[in-house]
Amino acid sequence: MEGFGRLKTMTKDNSPQVSLEVARRDIDAIDDQLIALLAQRFGMTARVRAAKAEEAQHWPLPLRPAREAQIMRRVVSAGKDHSLSPQLMVRLWRAIINQSGLNQSSITVHVSRHLKANQALRLAVHDYFSGLPVEEYRDESQALVQINADPSGLCVVETEQPWAEAFMSGQAGKAQIIASLPLISGEVAQPSLLVFGQAPLDESGDDETLIISSGRMPRDFALAPVWQAKSGTLRLTALPGFIGEHENPLVGLSRSNPALGLRLAGHYSRPIKL
């Protein structure tokens, strides 16, 4: 793909006679080029911060989930063209994106004690938010309160833990769901983790909309759910596409079924399927 494969190869002779010393020297030269490119990329942070100056008054969190999702899809696709592991591309670029965000503002990730006690989920958070500090709280409700007090922070919850009631009561403030984990998925439709933050609600081009309700969605609803689950006493329904709370078919459903108590929880980019 365009934009990749531009690093210069120092040695064209790939024969067995090439000495280990020459090969190592070539690797060092490539590493030097990678470092220079990283420095150039991080040097763009000042320009990005300046461009976001007015927007940052409303959205203190420097991360932009829709844009990041587009980047991740692009680099994973480009990596495949060069036989590079999608998992490797995700880890590398998430580290770069997180550091770029930290160069613009401090970012803390808030999680519950229950999540942090689960090794697999803890590692998933660590991999995705590499380099960002993670703070632990008693439960999901307490973790959500933190991003109301600190709009530049993030909160990660387990999908089926009882966070929905705290969200419905306003404990997360203006924060909504902006991402889901894992970023790379097989056949499993339901994400393990949901990420809350105060960020612009932009479309990534391949999204899902998550709504909360107190009752079951009607079977004849216009859109078939991607997945459904429960969070405490409330129900979660993921719908395909990027749907606004005041757009059909949600607005029509709210008017015809007020007892459902529909509430838009947020949007997130669909996982990259391998």
Protein backbone atom coordinates (compact mmCIF):
# COMPACT_ATOMS: atom_id res chain seq x y z
CA MET A 1 0.00 0.00 0.00
CA GLU A 2 1.05 3.58 -0.60
CA GLY A 3 2.98 5.06 2.30
CA PHE A 4 4.56 1.77 3.40
CA GLY A 5 7.77 0.04 2.45
CA ARG A 6 9.72 3.27 2.03
CA LEU A 7 12.64 2.42 4.32
CA LYS A 8 15.83 1.92 2.39
CA THR A 9 17.47 -1.50 2.46
CA MET A 10 21.19 -1.11 3.07
CA THR A 11 22.28 -4.45 1.62
CA LYS A 12 20.84 -5.96 -1.54
CA ASP A 13 22.90 -9.14 -1.39
CA ASN A 14 20.72 -11.74 0.38
CA SER A 15 23.10 -14.63 -0.25
CA PRO A 16 24.28 -16.87 2.63
CA GLN A 17 27.72 -15.31 2.28
CA VAL A 18 26.54 -12.00 3.75
CA SER A 19 28.17 -11.79 7.14
CA LEU A 20 26.24 -11.45 10.39
CA GLU A 21 28.07 -8.21 11.02
CA VAL A 22 26.80 -6.68 7.76
CA ALA A 23 23.25 -7.85 8.46
CA ARG A 24 23.35 -6.32 11.93
CA ARG A 25 24.69 -3.08 10.50
CA ASP A 26 21.79 -2.96 8.06
CA ILE A 27 19.32 -3.60 10.89
CA ASP A 28 20.86 -0.75 12.90
CA ALA A 29 20.53 1.56 9.91
CA ILE A 30 16.85 0.64 9.50
CA ASP A 31 16.29 1.18 13.23
CA ASP A 32 17.81 4.65 12.87
CA GLN A 33 15.34 5.42 10.10
CA LEU A 34 12.43 4.16 12.23
CA ILE A 35 13.52 6.41 15.09
CA ALA A 36 13.72 9.40 12.77
CA LEU A 37 10.23 8.67 11.43
CA LEU A 38 8.83 8.31 14.95
CA ALA A 39 10.37 11.62 15.94
CA GLN A 40 8.82 13.20 12.84
CA ARG A 41 5.41 11.74 13.67
CA PHE A 42 5.49 12.87 17.29
CA GLY A 43 6.67 16.25 16.07
CA MET A 44 3.29 16.60 14.39
CA THR A 45 1.65 16.63 17.83
CA ALA A 46 2.16 20.38 18.21
CA ARG A 47 0.37 20.99 14.90
CA VAL A 48 -2.46 18.66 15.90
CA ARG A 49 -2.79 20.33 19.30
CA ALA A 50 -3.00 23.75 17.65
CA ALA A 51 -5.63 22.52 15.20
CA LYS A 52 -7.65 21.10 18.10
CA ALA A 53 -7.37 24.24 20.26
CA GLU A 54 -10.97 25.39 19.81
CA GLU A 55 -12.35 21.85 19.84
CA ALA A 56 -10.46 21.04 23.06
CA GLN A 57 -12.59 23.54 24.97
CA HIS A 58 -15.52 21.17 24.49
CA TRP A 59 -13.62 17.88 24.31
CA PRO A 60 -10.62 17.85 26.70
CA LEU A 61 -9.82 14.19 25.91
CA PRO A 62 -7.20 14.35 23.11
CA LEU A 63 -8.04 10.92 21.69
CA ARG A 64 -10.35 10.78 18.66
CA PRO A 65 -11.80 7.24 18.50
CA ALA A 66 -13.25 7.41 14.98
CA ARG A 67 -10.00 8.67 13.48
CA GLU A 68 -8.02 6.09 15.47
CA ALA A 69 -10.27 3.29 14.20
CA GLN A 70 -9.64 4.39 10.63
CA ILE A 71 -5.89 4.40 11.26
CA MET A 72 -5.97 0.93 12.80
CA ARG A 73 -7.94 -0.55 9.90
CA ARG A 74 -5.50 0.99 7.44
CA VAL A 75 -2.32 -0.20 9.15
CA VAL A 76 -3.68 -3.71 9.79
CA SER A 77 -4.61 -3.98 6.11
CA ALA A 78 -1.23 -2.62 5.04
CA GLY A 79 0.54 -4.97 7.42
CA LYS A 80 -1.19 -7.96 5.85
CA ASP A 81 0.23 -6.93 2.47
CA HIS A 82 3.71 -7.29 4.00
CA SER A 83 2.92 -10.47 6.01
CA LEU A 84 2.97 -8.55 9.29
CA SER A 85 0.84 -9.82 12.16
CA PRO A 86 -2.35 -7.78 12.78
CA GLN A 87 -1.72 -8.11 16.52
CA LEU A 88 1.75 -6.63 16.09
CA MET A 89 0.39 -3.72 14.04
CA VAL A 90 -2.27 -3.01 16.68
CA ARG A 91 0.22 -3.05 19.57
CA LEU A 92 2.69 -0.81 17.74
CA TRP A 93 0.18 1.77 16.57
CA ARG A 94 -1.79 1.83 19.81
CA ALA A 95 1.46 2.67 21.61
CA ILE A 96 2.14 5.46 19.10
CA ILE A 97 -1.41 6.84 19.34
CA ASN A 98 -1.40 6.74 23.14
CA GLN A 99 1.92 8.55 23.32
CA SER A 100 0.65 11.18 20.89
CA GLY A 101 -2.34 11.67 23.16
CA LEU A 102 -0.13 12.00 26.23
CA ASN A 103 1.93 14.61 24.40
CA GLN A 104 -1.24 16.69 24.20
CA SER A 105 -2.75 16.10 27.63
CA SER A 106 -2.56 13.82 30.66
CA ILE A 107 -4.86 10.79 30.33
CA THR A 108 -5.77 8.35 33.10
CA VAL A 109 -7.71 5.13 32.60
CA HIS A 110 -10.20 4.30 35.38
CA VAL A 111 -11.32 0.69 35.98
CA SER A 112 -13.16 -1.33 38.63
CA ARG A 113 -11.48 -3.67 41.09
CA HIS A 114 -13.38 -6.56 39.51
CA LEU A 115 -11.93 -5.83 36.06
CA LYS A 116 -8.39 -5.45 37.34
CA ALA A 117 -8.63 -8.79 39.13
CA ASN A 118 -9.26 -10.54 35.80
CA GLN A 119 -5.84 -11.15 34.27
CA ALA A 120 -7.03 -11.48 30.66
CA LEU A 121 -9.07 -8.27 30.82
CA ARG A 122 -6.32 -6.43 32.66
CA LEU A 123 -3.87 -7.36 29.91
CA ALA A 124 -6.37 -6.28 27.23
CA VAL A 125 -6.60 -2.84 28.85
CA HIS A 126 -2.82 -2.66 29.21
CA ASP A 127 -2.22 -3.58 25.56
CA TYR A 128 -4.77 -1.12 24.19
CA PHE A 129 -3.82 1.75 26.49
CA SER A 130 -0.10 1.06 26.58
CA GLY A 131 1.75 3.84 28.40
CA LEU A 132 -1.34 5.32 30.08
CA PRO A 133 -1.70 5.16 33.88
CA VAL A 134 -4.53 2.91 35.13
CA GLU A 135 -6.32 3.56 38.45
CA GLU A 136 -8.55 1.06 40.25
CA TYR A 137 -11.85 1.78 42.04
CA ARG A 138 -14.32 -0.17 44.13
CA ASP A 139 -16.86 -0.70 41.35
CA GLU A 140 -18.00 0.52 37.92
CA SER A 141 -20.08 3.32 39.40
CA GLN A 142 -17.09 4.80 41.20
CA ALA A 143 -14.93 4.45 38.09
CA LEU A 144 -17.51 6.26 35.94
CA VAL A 145 -17.67 9.17 38.39
CA GLN A 146 -13.97 9.84 37.72
CA ILE A 147 -14.51 10.81 34.07
CA ASN A 148 -17.25 13.18 35.13
CA ALA A 149 -14.78 14.90 37.44
CA ASP A 150 -11.89 14.60 34.96
CA PRO A 151 -13.16 14.95 31.35
CA SER A 152 -9.70 14.15 29.95
CA GLY A 153 -9.82 10.64 31.44
CA LEU A 154 -11.22 7.31 30.27
CA CYS A 155 -13.25 4.61 31.98
CA VAL A 156 -13.27 0.95 30.92
CA VAL A 157 -16.06 -1.38 32.10
CA GLU A 158 -16.87 -5.03 31.55
CA THR A 159 -19.84 -5.25 29.22
CA GLU A 160 -22.02 -7.40 31.48
CA GLN A 161 -21.08 -5.85 34.82
CA PRO A 162 -23.70 -3.52 36.47
CA TRP A 163 -22.56 -0.16 35.06
CA ALA A 164 -25.71 0.81 33.12
CA GLU A 165 -27.73 2.09 36.07
CA ALA A 166 -24.86 4.36 37.15
CA PHE A 167 -24.62 5.66 33.59
CA MET A 168 -28.38 6.24 33.38
CA SER A 169 -28.29 8.19 36.64
CA GLY A 170 -25.71 10.58 35.15
CA GLN A 171 -22.64 9.51 37.10
CA ALA A 172 -20.51 9.56 33.94
CA GLY A 173 -21.52 13.14 33.14
CA LYS A 174 -21.28 13.85 29.42
CA ALA A 175 -19.16 10.77 28.74
CA GLN A 176 -20.44 8.10 26.38
CA ILE A 177 -19.15 4.83 24.99
CA ILE A 178 -16.51 5.67 22.41
CA ALA A 179 -14.73 2.33 21.84
CA SER A 180 -14.90 -1.38 22.56
CA LEU A 181 -12.40 -4.17 23.15
CA PRO A 182 -11.00 -6.39 21.83
CA LEU A 183 -10.01 -4.38 18.76
CA ILE A 184 -9.42 -7.56 16.75
CA SER A 185 -12.14 -10.19 16.87
CA GLY A 186 -13.03 -13.53 15.37
CA GLU A 187 -16.65 -14.60 15.23
CA VAL A 188 -17.69 -13.24 18.65
CA ALA A 189 -19.96 -10.22 18.16
CA GLN A 190 -20.22 -9.00 21.76
CA PRO A 191 -17.24 -7.02 23.06
CA SER A 192 -15.72 -7.90 26.41
CA LEU A 193 -15.04 -4.29 27.39
CA LEU A 194 -16.58 -0.89 26.72
CA VAL A 195 -14.63 2.38 26.84
CA PHE A 196 -16.23 5.61 28.06
CA GLY A 197 -14.92 9.09 27.40
CA GLN A 198 -15.85 12.62 26.43
CA ALA A 199 -14.89 12.76 22.76
CA PRO A 200 -16.56 13.94 19.53
CA LEU A 201 -19.16 11.48 18.27
CA ASP A 202 -17.83 10.97 14.75
CA GLU A 203 -18.46 8.09 12.38
CA SER A 204 -15.55 5.78 11.59
CA GLY A 205 -17.25 4.19 8.58
CA ASP A 206 -18.00 0.85 10.24
CA ASP A 207 -19.76 1.40 13.55
CA GLU A 208 -22.27 0.06 16.04
CA THR A 209 -24.69 2.00 18.24
CA LEU A 210 -25.32 0.82 21.80
CA ILE A 211 -28.60 1.60 23.52
CA ILE A 212 -29.85 0.87 27.04
CA SER A 213 -33.44 -0.05 27.81
CA SER A 214 -35.48 -1.31 30.73
CA GLY A 215 -37.34 -3.81 28.55
CA ARG A 216 -36.83 -6.05 25.55
CA MET A 217 -36.60 -4.56 22.09
CA PRO A 218 -39.64 -5.43 19.94
CA ARG A 219 -39.05 -8.37 17.63
CA ASP A 220 -40.30 -6.42 14.63
CA PHE A 221 -37.87 -3.53 15.17
CA ALA A 222 -36.46 -2.21 11.90
CA LEU A 223 -32.87 -3.18 12.72
CA ALA A 224 -31.72 -6.62 13.83
CA PRO A 225 -29.48 -6.38 16.93
CA VAL A 226 -25.81 -7.26 16.49
CA TRP A 227 -25.77 -8.51 20.08
CA GLN A 228 -27.79 -8.18 23.29
CA ALA A 229 -26.83 -8.52 26.94
CA LYS A 230 -27.78 -7.41 30.44
CA SER A 231 -26.04 -4.94 32.73
CA GLY A 232 -27.61 -5.28 36.14
CA THR A 233 -31.38 -4.91 35.68
CA LEU A 234 -31.06 -3.07 32.35
CA ARG A 235 -30.72 -4.39 28.84
CA LEU A 236 -28.03 -3.57 26.29
CA THR A 237 -28.70 -3.73 22.56
CA ALA A 238 -26.08 -3.10 19.88
CA LEU A 239 -27.46 -1.96 16.53
CA PRO A 240 -25.57 -1.85 13.22
CA GLY A 241 -24.49 1.57 12.02
CA PHE A 242 -24.07 5.02 13.53
CA ILE A 243 -27.54 6.10 14.73
CA GLY A 244 -28.33 9.34 16.56
CA GLU A 245 -30.68 9.36 19.54
CA HIS A 246 -33.01 11.74 17.70
CA GLU A 247 -32.92 9.85 14.41
CA ASN A 248 -35.17 7.13 13.12
CA PRO A 249 -35.64 4.34 13.92
CA LEU A 250 -34.71 5.15 17.56
CA VAL A 251 -36.87 8.25 17.87
CA GLY A 252 -39.87 6.38 16.46
CA LEU A 253 -39.35 3.51 18.88
CA SER A 254 -39.04 5.88 21.84
CA ARG A 255 -42.33 7.55 20.96
CA SER A 256 -44.23 4.33 20.34
CA ASN A 257 -42.74 2.47 23.33
CA PRO A 258 -42.01 5.03 26.09
CA ALA A 259 -42.00 2.25 28.71
CA LEU A 260 -38.75 0.95 27.19
CA GLY A 261 -36.92 3.96 28.63
CA LEU A 262 -34.46 4.03 25.71
CA ARG A 263 -31.15 5.80 26.21
CA LEU A 264 -28.26 6.11 23.80
CA ALA A 265 -25.11 4.81 25.51
CA GLY A 266 -22.75 5.67 22.66
CA HIS A 267 -21.09 4.47 19.48
CA TYR A 268 -17.98 2.48 18.75
CA SER A 269 -16.10 1.15 15.77
CA ARG A 270 -16.72 -2.46 14.97
CA PRO A 271 -13.85 -4.84 15.76
CA ILE A 272 -11.46 -5.66 12.96
CA LYS A 273 -12.35 -9.16 11.83
CA LEU A 274 -9.61 -11.47 10.64
